[in-house]
Amino acid sequence: MISPSALATFILYFILLLGMGLYFYRRTANLEDYLLGGRSLGVWVTAFSAQASDMSGWLLMGLPGAIYLGGVTALWIALGLFIGTVFNWQFVARRLRIYTQLYNSLTLPSFFESRFGDPTGLLRILSAVITLIFFTIYTSSGLVASGKLFESIFNMNYRLAVLTGGIVIIAYTFLGGFLAVSWTDLVQGSLMVMAIVVVPLAAISSLGGTDAITGAMTVKNIPRELFGSRFSLLTVFSAAAWGLGYFGQPHILARFMGIRSARDLPRSMFIAIIWVILSLSGAVAVGFIAIAMFPDLSGGEEEKVFIYMIAEIFNPWTAGIMLAAILSAIMSTIDSQLLVSSSALTEDFYDKVIRNNASQRELVFMGRICVIIISVIALLLAMNPDNTVLGLVAYAWGGFGAAFGPLVLFALFSRKTSWQAALAGMITGTITLVLWKSNGLGGFMYEIVPGFASNIIVMTAVSRFIPQRNEKILSDFDMINSGEIN
C-alpha cells in the first residue's frame, strides 16, 4: 500500500494539473486557441511538449519491459526512435509550420485537403476517420499504463485504477485545450527526464556496478551483442523501423504547427534532442538493470519494473515524486491524443460537414464534448487487464506512420503529387498495415514497414499518371521551396 507521504505527492500533483486547466480555460476564445493555442508556443514549451507527448507511458513502462525481455534486440527500437526524432525536427518541422499557416490548417486532415487540392473532401474525411480509429487505440494504451501504475502503488482494482487516471486527464484537457496540454507537458516532461536519469543511476549504485547485470543476462540467456549471429538483418530493420512512424504522428506534428514562429524551431530542436538522448538512454538502462534486480518477473509484470525499482530504492517522499513522473509520461501523451481526436471530430466533421456556419463558441464547446466521447470509448477498450502498453502503442504508432507518414513527406517535398495519389496511397498503406497485422505477420516484420512502403509506391505510381495540375498549389510549393515564405 502506498505511504501517506507518497499519496500526498500525487494529490498535490493532480491539483497542479487541474489548476493549469482552469487557468487556460479563461484564455480559450476560439477554435484555433483550443486546438493550437493560437500558434503561440515558445521554444521550451514546444520542445518539451513535443517530446513528452511523443514518449508517453511506454517510455517508462513499455520500453524498459521490452529491454527486460529481449535485451539488446529491443535496443534497436530506441535507436530507430532517436533517428526518427532528429529527422522529424530537421526536415518536417519548419516546412509544416509554414505550410499549415499559409493554408490556415488546424489539423492534418485539413492540411492534406488544402495542400493536395482535394475538391471532394474525401481525403480530409478519411484521414480524420483514420485519426479517430488509431488514436482511440493509442489513448487506450495510455489508460492501460495508468491502470497498471495505480494498481501497483495504490493496490487498487485495475478497472477502478484506469477510471481514476482517465478522469484527471480528461478534466484538464476538457477545460484548457492545447495550451493547458502543452504547458502541463512542460511540467511533465521535466519530471520525466529527471526521473529517468536519477532512478537508473541510483539503481546501479545499489547493485554495486554493472557486473550484476551482465551476470544476470548470462544466466537468463539474454542477448548482449548489438550485432551477432542471433540477430537477422530483418529483426534489426523491423525494430529500427519504429523511427518511420514519426512523420505521421498528429499529436507530435501539432506542436510544430503551434509554435510561435518557424524561426524558433532550431532552438526547440536542440532542447528536444538533448531530452530524447537522456530519456531513451535512461529507459534502456532501467530495462537492463531490472534484469539483475528482478530476475523472475513474468506475465506482463516486466512493464512495471520502473515502479518496482522506485519502491526498492527511494524513501516515500522521493518515491512519490518519481512515481508522479510515470504518471506524467502517461498523461502527457493521452491529453495530446484526446485533443487531436477532438480536433478531427470538430474541425473536420462538425464544422465542415454538419454545421459549416457554427460560431467559434459552439465549435469550442463541441471540441470539449468530443474529448469526453473519445475518452469514454478509450476507457472501455482499456478495461481489459491483459492488454500490454507496448503492444497497443506499436499498432497505433504503426497505423499513423503507414497512413500519414508518406503523405506528410510528399506534401512537404513533392511538387507533383495529386490528391488522387495521396488518397490512394493513404488507403493502401492503412489496409496493408491492418492485413499484415491481422494475418499474424507482425512477428516476422513490424507492420509499419510494408504499410509505409506500399503507401509510397502507390503515391509515386498514381502521380505519374495523374500529376498535380493546380497552379496555385504548384506556385505555393515553389515559393516555400525557394524560401520566399518563412
Protein backbone atom coordinates (compact mmCIF):
# COMPACT_ATOMS: atom_id res chain seq x y z
CA MET A 1 0.00 0.00 0.00
CA ILE A 2 1.31 3.48 -0.84
CA SER A 3 2.56 5.59 2.06
CA PRO A 4 0.68 8.78 3.14
CA SER A 5 3.61 10.96 2.01
CA ALA A 6 3.66 9.47 -1.50
CA LEU A 7 -0.13 9.79 -1.67
CA ALA A 8 0.14 13.46 -0.70
CA THR A 9 2.61 13.99 -3.54
CA PHE A 10 0.14 12.54 -6.03
CA ILE A 11 -2.75 14.66 -4.74
CA LEU A 12 -0.69 17.88 -4.96
CA TYR A 13 0.32 16.93 -8.49
CA PHE A 14 -3.31 16.39 -9.52
CA ILE A 15 -4.26 19.78 -8.05
CA LEU A 16 -1.49 21.47 -10.06
CA LEU A 17 -2.67 19.93 -13.34
CA LEU A 18 -6.32 20.82 -12.75
CA GLY A 19 -5.30 24.34 -11.76
CA MET A 20 -3.49 24.76 -15.08
CA GLY A 21 -6.57 23.51 -16.90
CA LEU A 22 -8.75 26.12 -15.15
CA TYR A 23 -6.22 28.88 -15.87
CA PHE A 24 -6.14 28.22 -19.61
CA TYR A 25 -9.91 27.74 -19.72
CA ARG A 26 -10.18 31.53 -19.43
CA ARG A 27 -7.68 32.07 -22.25
CA THR A 28 -9.54 29.93 -24.82
CA ALA A 29 -11.67 32.19 -27.00
CA ASN A 30 -11.90 30.36 -30.34
CA LEU A 31 -11.21 27.03 -32.04
CA GLU A 32 -7.63 27.94 -33.01
CA ASP A 33 -6.92 28.72 -29.34
CA TYR A 34 -8.41 25.39 -28.25
CA LEU A 35 -6.69 23.23 -30.90
CA LEU A 36 -3.37 25.05 -31.50
CA GLY A 37 -3.11 27.63 -28.70
CA GLY A 38 -3.31 30.48 -31.19
CA ARG A 39 0.07 29.35 -32.58
CA SER A 40 1.77 30.99 -29.59
CA LEU A 41 4.02 28.29 -28.10
CA GLY A 42 7.52 29.31 -27.03
CA VAL A 43 10.77 27.47 -27.61
CA TRP A 44 10.90 25.45 -24.37
CA VAL A 45 7.21 24.59 -24.27
CA THR A 46 7.30 23.38 -27.89
CA ALA A 47 10.35 21.18 -27.30
CA PHE A 48 9.17 19.62 -24.05
CA SER A 49 5.58 19.26 -25.21
CA ALA A 50 6.54 17.56 -28.48
CA GLN A 51 8.77 15.03 -26.75
CA ALA A 52 6.66 14.44 -23.65
CA SER A 53 3.58 13.82 -25.79
CA ASP A 54 5.69 11.56 -28.00
CA MET A 55 7.26 9.28 -25.41
CA SER A 56 4.24 8.57 -23.17
CA GLY A 57 3.92 5.75 -20.67
CA TRP A 58 5.69 3.32 -22.97
CA LEU A 59 8.99 5.18 -22.31
CA LEU A 60 8.95 4.37 -18.59
CA MET A 61 6.98 1.11 -18.78
CA GLY A 62 6.80 -0.42 -22.27
CA LEU A 63 10.42 0.17 -23.39
CA PRO A 64 12.08 -1.00 -20.14
CA GLY A 65 9.82 -4.06 -20.30
CA ALA A 66 10.90 -4.78 -23.88
CA ILE A 67 14.59 -4.46 -22.90
CA TYR A 68 13.98 -6.72 -19.90
CA LEU A 69 12.60 -9.46 -22.16
CA GLY A 70 14.67 -9.01 -25.32
CA GLY A 71 17.97 -7.47 -24.22
CA VAL A 72 19.92 -5.79 -27.00
CA THR A 73 17.35 -6.78 -29.64
CA ALA A 74 14.93 -4.19 -28.24
CA LEU A 75 17.69 -1.56 -28.20
CA TRP A 76 17.15 -1.11 -31.93
CA ILE A 77 13.71 0.32 -31.14
CA ALA A 78 15.35 3.12 -29.14
CA LEU A 79 17.92 3.78 -31.87
CA GLY A 80 15.21 3.94 -34.54
CA LEU A 81 13.16 6.34 -32.44
CA PHE A 82 16.14 8.62 -31.87
CA ILE A 83 16.92 8.83 -35.60
CA GLY A 84 13.24 9.40 -36.39
CA THR A 85 13.07 12.23 -33.84
CA VAL A 86 16.07 14.01 -35.33
CA PHE A 87 14.77 13.68 -38.90
CA ASN A 88 11.32 14.88 -37.90
CA TRP A 89 12.66 18.07 -36.32
CA GLN A 90 15.26 18.65 -39.02
CA PHE A 91 13.19 18.10 -42.16
CA VAL A 92 9.48 18.25 -41.27
CA ALA A 93 9.00 20.84 -38.52
CA ARG A 94 9.79 24.09 -40.35
CA ARG A 95 8.01 23.34 -43.62
CA LEU A 96 4.94 22.02 -41.83
CA ARG A 97 4.71 25.16 -39.66
CA ILE A 98 4.94 27.43 -42.73
CA TYR A 99 2.56 25.39 -44.88
CA THR A 100 -0.16 24.99 -42.25
CA GLN A 101 -0.19 28.73 -41.51
CA LEU A 102 -0.30 29.52 -45.23
CA TYR A 103 -3.42 27.35 -45.61
CA ASN A 104 -4.79 28.20 -42.13
CA SER A 105 -4.91 24.46 -41.35
CA LEU A 106 -5.59 23.48 -37.74
CA THR A 107 -5.41 19.70 -38.31
CA LEU A 108 -3.50 17.26 -40.52
CA PRO A 109 -6.67 16.23 -42.42
CA SER A 110 -7.44 19.87 -43.28
CA PHE A 111 -3.80 20.37 -44.31
CA PHE A 112 -3.91 17.35 -46.62
CA GLU A 113 -7.09 18.63 -48.26
CA SER A 114 -5.63 22.11 -48.89
CA ARG A 115 -2.12 21.05 -49.82
CA PHE A 116 -3.14 18.41 -52.37
CA GLY A 117 -6.17 20.40 -53.62
CA ASP A 118 -8.87 17.79 -52.98
CA PRO A 119 -12.25 19.20 -54.16
CA THR A 120 -14.23 16.17 -52.95
CA GLY A 121 -13.43 16.28 -49.22
CA LEU A 122 -12.66 12.53 -49.28
CA LEU A 123 -9.02 12.96 -48.29
CA ARG A 124 -9.97 15.05 -45.29
CA ILE A 125 -12.82 12.82 -44.12
CA LEU A 126 -10.96 9.51 -44.48
CA SER A 127 -7.82 10.84 -42.80
CA ALA A 128 -10.00 12.11 -39.94
CA VAL A 129 -11.57 8.64 -39.61
CA ILE A 130 -8.11 7.03 -39.53
CA THR A 131 -7.06 9.57 -36.88
CA LEU A 132 -10.01 8.66 -34.67
CA ILE A 133 -9.51 4.89 -35.01
CA PHE A 134 -5.80 4.80 -34.22
CA PHE A 135 -5.91 7.49 -31.55
CA THR A 136 -8.64 5.62 -29.72
CA ILE A 137 -6.30 2.60 -29.63
CA TYR A 138 -3.33 4.82 -28.70
CA THR A 139 -5.26 6.56 -25.92
CA SER A 140 -6.37 3.22 -24.51
CA SER A 141 -2.68 2.20 -24.27
CA GLY A 142 -2.03 5.18 -22.02
CA LEU A 143 -5.03 4.34 -19.89
CA VAL A 144 -3.74 0.77 -19.57
CA ALA A 145 -0.43 2.21 -18.36
CA SER A 146 -2.18 4.44 -15.81
CA GLY A 147 -4.24 1.46 -14.65
CA LYS A 148 -1.11 -0.63 -14.09
CA LEU A 149 0.53 2.28 -12.24
CA PHE A 150 -2.37 2.88 -9.85
CA GLU A 151 -2.96 -0.84 -9.45
CA SER A 152 0.65 -1.30 -8.32
CA ILE A 153 1.07 1.66 -5.98
CA PHE A 154 -2.45 2.09 -4.56
CA ASN A 155 -3.33 -1.62 -4.55
CA MET A 156 -6.50 -0.70 -6.45
CA ASN A 157 -8.73 -2.80 -8.64
CA TYR A 158 -7.37 -2.50 -12.21
CA ARG A 159 -10.58 -1.13 -13.75
CA LEU A 160 -11.03 1.45 -10.98
CA ALA A 161 -7.37 2.44 -11.46
CA VAL A 162 -7.95 3.03 -15.20
CA LEU A 163 -11.00 5.15 -14.45
CA THR A 164 -9.19 7.25 -11.83
CA GLY A 165 -6.32 8.16 -14.11
CA GLY A 166 -8.67 8.84 -17.01
CA ILE A 167 -10.84 11.29 -15.07
CA VAL A 168 -7.92 13.55 -14.12
CA ILE A 169 -6.54 13.65 -17.69
CA ILE A 170 -9.95 14.27 -19.24
CA ALA A 171 -10.67 17.11 -16.79
CA TYR A 172 -7.74 19.40 -17.63
CA THR A 173 -7.82 18.59 -21.37
CA PHE A 174 -11.56 19.37 -21.43
CA LEU A 175 -11.01 22.70 -19.70
CA GLY A 176 -7.83 24.19 -21.12
CA GLY A 177 -7.33 22.65 -24.56
CA PHE A 178 -4.00 22.93 -26.37
CA LEU A 179 -2.38 25.48 -24.06
CA ALA A 180 -3.23 23.51 -20.93
CA VAL A 181 -1.95 20.33 -22.59
CA SER A 182 1.27 21.98 -23.78
CA TRP A 183 2.11 23.76 -20.52
CA THR A 184 1.35 20.69 -18.43
CA ASP A 185 3.65 18.83 -20.84
CA LEU A 186 6.45 21.23 -19.86
CA VAL A 187 5.99 20.26 -16.20
CA GLN A 188 5.51 16.59 -17.03
CA GLY A 189 8.46 16.45 -19.43
CA SER A 190 10.73 17.96 -16.77
CA LEU A 191 9.62 15.36 -14.23
CA MET A 192 10.07 12.54 -16.73
CA VAL A 193 13.64 13.38 -17.70
CA MET A 194 14.61 13.94 -14.07
CA ALA A 195 13.24 10.56 -13.00
CA ILE A 196 14.63 8.60 -15.93
CA VAL A 197 18.13 9.92 -15.21
CA VAL A 198 18.07 9.68 -11.39
CA VAL A 199 16.45 6.25 -10.98
CA PRO A 200 18.91 4.15 -13.05
CA LEU A 201 21.90 5.96 -11.53
CA ALA A 202 20.63 5.18 -8.03
CA ALA A 203 19.84 1.59 -9.04
CA ILE A 204 23.34 1.00 -10.50
CA SER A 205 24.80 2.32 -7.27
CA SER A 206 22.64 -0.04 -5.20
CA LEU A 207 23.82 -3.01 -7.32
CA GLY A 208 27.46 -2.04 -6.93
CA GLY A 209 28.12 -1.71 -10.66
CA THR A 210 27.26 -3.36 -13.97
CA ASP A 211 28.74 -6.81 -13.31
CA ALA A 212 25.49 -7.97 -11.73
CA ILE A 213 23.62 -7.04 -14.92
CA THR A 214 25.88 -8.94 -17.30
CA GLY A 215 25.84 -11.92 -14.99
CA ALA A 216 22.04 -11.97 -14.84
CA MET A 217 21.81 -11.68 -18.64
CA THR A 218 24.11 -14.69 -18.99
CA VAL A 219 22.03 -16.74 -16.58
CA LYS A 220 18.79 -15.87 -18.41
CA ASN A 221 20.42 -16.31 -21.84
CA ILE A 222 19.52 -12.76 -22.89
CA PRO A 223 21.49 -11.45 -25.94
CA ARG A 224 24.26 -8.93 -25.23
CA GLU A 225 25.58 -8.17 -28.73
CA LEU A 226 24.33 -5.31 -30.89
CA PHE A 227 25.25 -7.33 -33.96
CA GLY A 228 25.62 -11.07 -33.95
CA SER A 229 24.53 -14.41 -35.32
CA ARG A 230 21.42 -14.43 -33.16
CA PHE A 231 20.01 -11.37 -34.94
CA SER A 232 18.92 -11.33 -38.54
CA LEU A 233 19.08 -8.16 -40.59
CA LEU A 234 15.29 -8.33 -40.78
CA THR A 235 14.96 -8.29 -36.99
CA VAL A 236 17.20 -5.23 -36.73
CA PHE A 237 15.42 -3.39 -39.53
CA SER A 238 11.99 -4.19 -38.15
CA ALA A 239 12.86 -2.81 -34.69
CA ALA A 240 14.59 0.29 -36.06
CA ALA A 241 11.60 0.95 -38.34
CA TRP A 242 9.78 2.48 -35.35
CA GLY A 243 11.53 5.68 -36.44
CA LEU A 244 9.42 5.82 -39.62
CA GLY A 245 6.35 6.45 -37.51
CA TYR A 246 7.40 9.96 -36.52
CA PHE A 247 6.46 11.53 -39.83
CA GLY A 248 2.80 10.63 -39.37
CA GLN A 249 2.05 11.26 -35.67
CA PRO A 250 -0.59 14.03 -35.46
CA HIS A 251 -0.03 14.76 -31.74
CA ILE A 252 3.68 15.45 -32.34
CA LEU A 253 3.21 17.35 -35.61
CA ALA A 254 0.64 19.60 -33.90
CA ARG A 255 3.49 21.03 -31.76
CA PHE A 256 5.35 22.11 -34.88
CA MET A 257 2.15 23.73 -36.15
CA GLY A 258 1.58 25.56 -32.85
CA ILE A 259 4.99 27.17 -32.30
CA ARG A 260 5.10 30.97 -32.29
CA SER A 261 7.45 31.22 -35.29
CA ALA A 262 9.30 28.86 -37.61
CA ARG A 263 12.47 30.77 -36.71
CA ASP A 264 12.23 29.38 -33.15
CA LEU A 265 12.37 25.76 -34.30
CA PRO A 266 16.19 25.29 -34.37
CA ARG A 267 16.42 26.19 -30.67
CA SER A 268 13.47 23.94 -29.83
CA MET A 269 15.10 21.14 -31.79
CA PHE A 270 18.33 21.39 -29.78
CA ILE A 271 16.42 21.18 -26.48
CA ALA A 272 14.27 18.29 -27.74
CA ILE A 273 17.25 16.21 -28.93
CA ILE A 274 19.01 16.54 -25.56
CA TRP A 275 15.77 15.49 -23.85
CA VAL A 276 15.42 12.45 -26.11
CA ILE A 277 19.02 11.30 -25.62
CA LEU A 278 18.66 11.44 -21.83
CA SER A 279 15.21 9.84 -21.79
CA LEU A 280 15.86 6.93 -24.14
CA SER A 281 19.23 6.19 -22.54
CA GLY A 282 17.64 6.16 -19.08
CA ALA A 283 14.74 3.93 -20.14
CA VAL A 284 17.10 1.43 -21.76
CA ALA A 285 19.28 1.44 -18.63
CA VAL A 286 16.22 0.73 -16.43
CA GLY A 287 15.39 -2.32 -18.52
CA PHE A 288 18.91 -3.76 -18.29
CA ILE A 289 19.24 -3.02 -14.57
CA ALA A 290 15.88 -4.68 -13.88
CA ILE A 291 17.22 -7.97 -15.30
CA ALA A 292 19.56 -8.11 -12.31
CA MET A 293 17.25 -6.56 -9.71
CA PHE A 294 14.08 -8.51 -10.57
CA PRO A 295 15.13 -11.67 -12.44
CA ASP A 296 11.90 -13.67 -12.12
CA LEU A 297 9.15 -11.40 -13.50
CA SER A 298 6.61 -12.77 -15.98
CA GLY A 299 3.06 -12.41 -17.21
CA GLY A 300 3.19 -8.70 -18.04
CA GLU A 301 4.97 -7.75 -14.79
CA GLU A 302 8.02 -6.68 -16.81
CA GLU A 303 6.24 -3.44 -17.75
CA LYS A 304 6.21 -2.48 -14.04
CA VAL A 305 9.99 -2.70 -13.50
CA PHE A 306 10.38 1.07 -13.18
CA ILE A 307 7.69 1.15 -10.48
CA TYR A 308 9.33 -1.73 -8.60
CA MET A 309 12.74 -0.08 -8.88
CA ILE A 310 11.49 3.16 -7.36
CA ALA A 311 9.83 1.31 -4.48
CA GLU A 312 13.03 -0.66 -3.86
CA ILE A 313 15.42 2.31 -3.73
CA PHE A 314 13.76 5.53 -2.55
CA ASN A 315 12.12 6.83 0.60
CA PRO A 316 8.33 7.52 0.43
CA TRP A 317 8.53 11.25 -0.37
CA THR A 318 11.10 10.82 -3.14
CA ALA A 319 9.27 7.75 -4.41
CA GLY A 320 6.08 9.80 -4.70
CA ILE A 321 7.84 12.32 -6.95
CA MET A 322 9.39 9.59 -9.10
CA LEU A 323 6.07 7.77 -9.45
CA ALA A 324 4.44 11.06 -10.43
CA ALA A 325 6.94 11.15 -13.30
CA ILE A 326 5.45 7.90 -14.64
CA LEU A 327 2.01 9.44 -14.42
CA SER A 328 3.41 12.49 -16.23
CA ALA A 329 4.62 10.30 -19.08
CA ILE A 330 1.20 8.72 -19.39
CA MET A 331 -0.80 11.93 -19.13
CA SER A 332 1.40 13.99 -21.46
CA THR A 333 0.52 11.71 -24.37
CA ILE A 334 -3.11 10.90 -23.60
CA ASP A 335 -4.08 14.57 -23.31
CA SER A 336 -2.49 15.32 -26.70
CA GLN A 337 -4.21 12.37 -28.33
CA LEU A 338 -7.58 13.37 -26.92
CA LEU A 339 -7.12 16.90 -28.23
CA VAL A 340 -6.11 15.82 -31.73
CA SER A 341 -9.00 13.35 -31.87
CA SER A 342 -11.33 16.10 -30.73
CA SER A 343 -9.99 18.37 -33.46
CA ALA A 344 -10.67 15.70 -36.10
CA LEU A 345 -14.30 15.43 -34.99
CA THR A 346 -14.83 19.16 -34.51
CA GLU A 347 -12.84 20.77 -37.32
CA ASP A 348 -13.01 18.02 -39.95
CA PHE A 349 -16.55 16.68 -39.36
CA TYR A 350 -18.74 19.03 -37.38
CA ASP A 351 -17.52 22.31 -38.88
CA LYS A 352 -17.09 21.11 -42.46
CA VAL A 353 -19.85 18.52 -42.84
CA ILE A 354 -22.56 19.09 -40.24
CA ARG A 355 -22.59 22.85 -39.39
CA ASN A 356 -20.21 24.87 -41.51
CA ASN A 357 -21.60 28.14 -40.16
CA ALA A 358 -21.12 27.28 -36.48
CA SER A 359 -19.84 30.04 -34.19
CA GLN A 360 -16.42 29.86 -32.56
CA ARG A 361 -18.06 29.40 -29.16
CA GLU A 362 -20.09 26.48 -30.48
CA LEU A 363 -17.01 24.87 -32.03
CA VAL A 364 -15.03 25.12 -28.78
CA PHE A 365 -17.99 23.59 -26.92
CA MET A 366 -18.16 20.74 -29.43
CA GLY A 367 -14.40 20.24 -29.10
CA ARG A 368 -14.85 19.69 -25.36
CA ILE A 369 -17.79 17.32 -25.89
CA CYS A 370 -15.70 15.31 -28.36
CA VAL A 371 -12.94 14.93 -25.74
CA ILE A 372 -15.46 13.21 -23.47
CA ILE A 373 -16.87 10.95 -26.22
CA ILE A 374 -13.44 9.69 -27.30
CA SER A 375 -12.36 9.26 -23.69
CA VAL A 376 -15.31 7.02 -22.90
CA ILE A 377 -14.56 4.73 -25.87
CA ALA A 378 -10.85 4.56 -24.97
CA LEU A 379 -11.72 3.80 -21.34
CA LEU A 380 -13.88 0.88 -22.42
CA LEU A 381 -11.05 -0.52 -24.58
CA ALA A 382 -8.58 -0.14 -21.71
CA MET A 383 -10.64 -2.18 -19.26
CA ASN A 384 -9.00 -5.45 -20.38
CA PRO A 385 -6.16 -6.06 -17.88
CA ASP A 386 -4.41 -8.42 -20.31
CA ASN A 387 -3.54 -5.57 -22.70
CA THR A 388 0.13 -4.58 -22.87
CA VAL A 389 1.24 -0.96 -23.21
CA LEU A 390 3.84 -1.60 -25.90
CA GLY A 391 1.54 -3.84 -27.94
CA LEU A 392 -1.20 -1.21 -28.21
CA VAL A 393 1.29 1.60 -28.85
CA ALA A 394 3.03 -0.40 -31.59
CA TYR A 395 -0.20 -0.91 -33.54
CA ALA A 396 -1.38 2.71 -33.28
CA TRP A 397 2.11 4.13 -33.95
CA GLY A 398 2.46 1.92 -37.00
CA GLY A 399 -1.02 2.88 -38.19
CA PHE A 400 -0.24 6.58 -38.22
CA GLY A 401 3.17 6.03 -39.74
CA ALA A 402 1.81 3.90 -42.58
CA ALA A 403 -1.24 6.08 -43.28
CA PHE A 404 0.12 9.61 -42.83
CA GLY A 405 3.94 9.46 -42.82
CA PRO A 406 4.42 9.32 -46.61
CA LEU A 407 1.63 11.89 -47.13
CA VAL A 408 3.38 14.40 -44.86
CA LEU A 409 6.71 13.87 -46.61
CA PHE A 410 5.21 14.11 -50.11
CA ALA A 411 3.16 17.17 -49.10
CA LEU A 412 6.29 18.98 -47.94
CA PHE A 413 8.81 17.84 -50.55
CA SER A 414 6.99 16.60 -53.67
CA ARG A 415 5.72 19.20 -56.14
CA LYS A 416 3.68 16.96 -58.42
CA THR A 417 1.72 14.77 -56.00
CA SER A 418 -2.03 14.99 -56.65
CA TRP A 419 -4.91 14.48 -54.25
CA GLN A 420 -5.83 11.26 -56.08
CA ALA A 421 -2.31 9.91 -55.44
CA ALA A 422 -2.41 10.96 -51.77
CA LEU A 423 -5.82 9.34 -51.24
CA ALA A 424 -4.80 6.10 -52.96
CA GLY A 425 -1.53 5.92 -51.02
CA MET A 426 -3.18 6.57 -47.65
CA ILE A 427 -5.83 3.89 -48.21
CA THR A 428 -3.26 1.38 -49.46
CA GLY A 429 -0.87 1.98 -46.57
CA THR A 430 -3.62 1.62 -43.98
CA ILE A 431 -5.13 -1.55 -45.49
CA THR A 432 -1.68 -3.13 -45.90
CA LEU A 433 -0.84 -2.47 -42.25
CA VAL A 434 -4.15 -3.88 -40.97
CA LEU A 435 -3.97 -7.01 -43.14
CA TRP A 436 -0.33 -7.60 -42.26
CA LYS A 437 -1.09 -7.37 -38.55
CA SER A 438 -4.34 -9.34 -38.63
CA ASN A 439 -2.68 -12.22 -40.51
CA GLY A 440 -0.04 -12.61 -37.82
CA LEU A 441 2.87 -11.29 -39.88
CA GLY A 442 3.81 -8.67 -37.26
CA GLY A 443 6.16 -11.17 -35.61
CA PHE A 444 8.01 -11.54 -38.91
CA MET A 445 8.32 -7.80 -39.57
CA TYR A 446 6.81 -4.74 -37.87
CA GLU A 447 3.71 -3.85 -39.86
CA ILE A 448 4.74 -0.21 -40.35
CA VAL A 449 7.36 -1.30 -42.91
CA PRO A 450 5.04 -2.85 -45.55
CA GLY A 451 2.39 -0.19 -44.85
CA PHE A 452 4.81 2.72 -45.28
CA ALA A 453 6.42 1.19 -48.37
CA SER A 454 3.13 0.38 -50.13
CA ASN A 455 1.89 3.93 -49.48
CA ILE A 456 4.97 5.43 -51.13
CA ILE A 457 4.84 3.03 -54.10
CA VAL A 458 1.17 3.74 -54.82
CA MET A 459 1.52 7.51 -54.45
CA THR A 460 4.52 7.58 -56.76
CA ALA A 461 2.78 5.42 -59.38
CA VAL A 462 -0.52 7.35 -59.37
CA SER A 463 1.29 10.71 -59.54
CA ARG A 464 2.97 9.63 -62.77
CA PHE A 465 -0.43 9.21 -64.43
CA ILE A 466 -2.37 11.89 -62.52
CA PRO A 467 0.08 14.68 -61.55
CA GLN A 468 -0.77 17.83 -59.63
CA ARG A 469 -2.10 20.47 -62.04
CA ASN A 470 -3.48 23.12 -59.66
CA GLU A 471 -1.42 26.23 -60.48
CA LYS A 472 -1.87 27.85 -57.05
CA ILE A 473 -0.68 24.73 -55.24
CA LEU A 474 2.33 24.47 -57.56
CA SER A 475 3.08 28.17 -57.03
CA ASP A 476 2.79 27.84 -53.25
CA PHE A 477 5.23 24.93 -53.30
CA ASP A 478 7.72 26.92 -55.39
CA MET A 479 7.54 29.90 -53.02
CA ILE A 480 8.09 27.78 -49.92
CA ASN A 481 10.83 25.78 -51.61
CA SER A 482 12.66 28.97 -52.60
CA GLY A 483 12.37 30.45 -49.10
CA GLU A 484 10.11 33.35 -50.15
CA ILE A 485 7.68 32.36 -47.37
CA ASN A 486 9.20 31.69 -43.96
